[in-house]
N, C-alpha and C. Protein backbone atom coordinates (compact mmCIF):
# COMPACT_ATOMS: atom_id res chain seq x y z
N MET A 1 60.90 1.52 32.52
CA MET A 1 61.40 0.22 32.45
C MET A 1 60.89 -0.81 32.52
N GLU A 2 61.44 -1.61 32.26
CA GLU A 2 61.55 -2.63 31.11
C GLU A 2 60.48 -3.92 32.91
N ILE A 3 60.82 -4.14 34.53
CA ILE A 3 60.57 -4.62 35.31
C ILE A 3 58.98 -4.03 35.02
N HIS A 4 58.69 -2.55 34.80
CA HIS A 4 57.16 -2.24 35.35
C HIS A 4 56.39 -2.78 34.08
N GLN A 5 56.83 -2.29 33.01
CA GLN A 5 56.61 -3.08 31.90
C GLN A 5 55.87 -4.58 32.04
N LEU A 6 56.88 -5.67 32.03
CA LEU A 6 56.34 -6.54 32.63
C LEU A 6 55.40 -7.48 33.65
N ARG A 7 55.55 -6.04 34.61
CA ARG A 7 54.89 -6.43 35.53
C ARG A 7 53.07 -6.45 35.00
N ARG A 8 52.74 -5.01 34.56
CA ARG A 8 51.82 -4.83 33.72
C ARG A 8 51.28 -5.19 33.15
N LYS A 9 51.79 -6.67 32.20
CA LYS A 9 51.41 -7.75 31.32
C LYS A 9 51.27 -8.88 32.07
N GLY A 10 51.41 -8.71 33.37
CA GLY A 10 50.93 -9.45 34.07
C GLY A 10 51.74 -11.00 34.59
N PHE A 11 53.18 -10.23 34.25
CA PHE A 11 54.23 -11.35 34.41
C PHE A 11 54.39 -11.35 36.36
N LEU A 12 54.17 -12.54 37.53
CA LEU A 12 55.13 -12.51 38.24
C LEU A 12 56.08 -11.90 38.92
N LYS A 13 55.97 -11.85 40.08
CA LYS A 13 58.14 -11.15 40.06
C LYS A 13 58.77 -11.67 39.87
N GLY A 14 58.23 -13.62 40.65
CA GLY A 14 59.67 -14.50 40.42
C GLY A 14 60.33 -14.47 39.09
N LYS A 15 58.91 -14.16 38.28
CA LYS A 15 59.54 -14.78 36.57
C LYS A 15 59.70 -13.53 36.41
N ILE A 16 59.46 -12.09 36.59
CA ILE A 16 60.75 -10.95 35.62
C ILE A 16 61.52 -11.20 36.49
N ALA A 17 62.40 -11.50 37.75
CA ALA A 17 63.38 -11.70 38.02
C ALA A 17 64.45 -12.84 37.32
N ARG A 18 63.70 -13.61 36.91
CA ARG A 18 63.93 -15.14 35.95
C ARG A 18 64.94 -14.54 34.74
N LYS A 19 63.34 -13.66 34.65
CA LYS A 19 63.87 -13.24 32.81
C LYS A 19 64.81 -12.15 32.64
N LEU A 20 64.54 -11.51 33.82
CA LEU A 20 65.83 -10.24 33.06
C LEU A 20 67.37 -10.62 34.44
N ASP A 21 66.85 -11.99 35.52
CA ASP A 21 67.96 -12.58 35.28
C ASP A 21 68.75 -11.19 36.73
N ILE A 22 67.92 -10.81 37.57
CA ILE A 22 68.34 -10.12 38.61
C ILE A 22 67.45 -10.84 39.86
N ALA A 23 67.93 -10.55 41.21
CA ALA A 23 67.95 -10.52 42.27
C ALA A 23 66.36 -10.39 42.12
N ARG A 24 65.15 -11.59 42.83
CA ARG A 24 63.43 -10.92 43.85
C ARG A 24 63.82 -10.00 43.96
N ASN A 25 64.44 -9.87 45.21
CA ASN A 25 64.49 -8.43 45.84
C ASN A 25 64.61 -7.16 44.74
N THR A 26 65.83 -7.44 43.78
CA THR A 26 64.76 -5.92 43.11
C THR A 26 64.36 -5.66 42.75
N VAL A 27 63.42 -6.60 42.31
CA VAL A 27 62.51 -6.13 42.07
C VAL A 27 61.12 -5.79 42.25
N TYR A 28 61.15 -6.05 43.50
CA TYR A 28 60.59 -5.53 44.73
C TYR A 28 60.49 -4.55 44.62
N SER A 29 62.14 -3.71 45.20
CA SER A 29 62.46 -2.48 45.31
C SER A 29 62.32 -1.65 44.29
N TYR A 30 62.10 -2.01 42.73
CA TYR A 30 61.77 -1.38 41.81
C TYR A 30 60.61 -1.39 41.56
N LEU A 31 59.68 -2.50 41.90
CA LEU A 31 57.88 -1.94 41.60
C LEU A 31 57.74 -1.30 43.15
N GLN A 32 58.15 -0.91 43.94
CA GLN A 32 57.87 0.06 45.33
C GLN A 32 58.47 1.25 45.01
N ARG A 33 58.94 1.92 44.41
CA ARG A 33 59.08 3.02 43.44
C ARG A 33 58.09 3.40 42.31
N ALA A 34 57.91 4.71 42.73
CA ALA A 34 57.75 5.65 41.23
C ALA A 34 58.57 5.42 40.40
N HIS A 35 57.12 5.56 38.99
CA HIS A 35 58.44 5.46 37.89
C HIS A 35 59.08 6.35 37.29
N GLU A 36 58.89 7.88 37.77
CA GLU A 36 60.02 9.25 37.96
C GLU A 36 61.00 9.07 38.42
N GLU A 37 60.85 8.01 39.95
CA GLU A 37 61.95 8.08 40.16
C GLU A 37 62.91 6.78 39.72
N MET A 38 62.59 5.93 39.09
CA MET A 38 62.99 4.84 38.76
C MET A 38 64.05 5.57 37.64
N THR A 39 63.34 6.79 36.51
CA THR A 39 64.00 7.33 36.08
C THR A 39 65.01 8.45 35.81
N GLU A 40 65.14 9.27 37.03
CA GLU A 40 65.75 9.82 37.91
C GLU A 40 66.67 8.63 37.89
N CYS A 41 66.84 7.46 38.51
CA CYS A 41 67.62 6.20 39.30
C CYS A 41 68.28 5.95 38.05
N MET A 42 67.83 5.99 36.92
CA MET A 42 68.74 5.70 35.75
C MET A 42 68.92 6.06 34.84
N VAL A 43 69.31 7.28 35.28
CA VAL A 43 70.59 8.52 34.51
C VAL A 43 72.15 7.30 34.44
N PRO A 44 72.24 7.62 33.07
CA PRO A 44 73.25 7.32 32.51
C PRO A 44 74.38 7.78 34.01
N SER A 45 75.10 7.62 34.17
CA SER A 45 76.42 8.16 35.47
C SER A 45 77.05 9.59 34.67
N ARG A 46 77.12 9.79 34.02
CA ARG A 46 77.76 10.75 32.36
C ARG A 46 76.98 12.03 32.43
N ASN A 47 75.78 11.89 32.92
CA ASN A 47 74.83 13.03 33.20
C ASN A 47 74.42 13.01 34.88
N ARG A 48 74.87 12.79 35.46
CA ARG A 48 74.19 12.77 37.05
C ARG A 48 75.29 13.63 37.85
N LYS A 49 74.62 14.28 38.05
CA LYS A 49 75.36 15.58 39.51
C LYS A 49 76.00 15.00 40.49
N ILE A 50 77.54 15.26 40.50
CA ILE A 50 77.78 14.48 41.40
C ILE A 50 78.04 15.21 42.74
N ASN A 51 77.79 14.56 43.32
CA ASN A 51 77.43 14.67 44.87
C ASN A 51 78.83 15.51 46.12
N LEU A 52 79.72 16.63 45.39
CA LEU A 52 80.95 16.64 46.13
C LEU A 52 80.93 16.90 47.78
N ILE A 53 80.20 17.09 48.36
CA ILE A 53 79.94 17.06 49.81
C ILE A 53 80.19 16.29 50.69
N ASN A 54 80.57 15.09 49.92
CA ASN A 54 80.95 13.38 50.78
C ASN A 54 81.87 12.88 50.10
N ILE A 55 82.27 13.59 49.05
CA ILE A 55 83.90 13.11 48.75
C ILE A 55 85.64 14.04 49.30
N LYS A 56 85.57 13.35 50.45
CA LYS A 56 87.19 13.62 51.49
C LYS A 56 88.45 13.91 50.31
N SER A 57 88.65 14.74 49.93
CA SER A 57 90.54 14.92 49.65
C SER A 57 91.19 14.82 49.99
């Protein structure tokens, strides 16, 4: 994840947000998550499992 890479390089959270053109709160939430969670979260939608329980017919 690019956010984690930029943070490891020493970028401040606000600078990361500006560089990636995303909200600063988004940067905070992504940095709070473990890398594994982020990788799973970023799986392309066609590869995600659909939760059919929440779908109403």
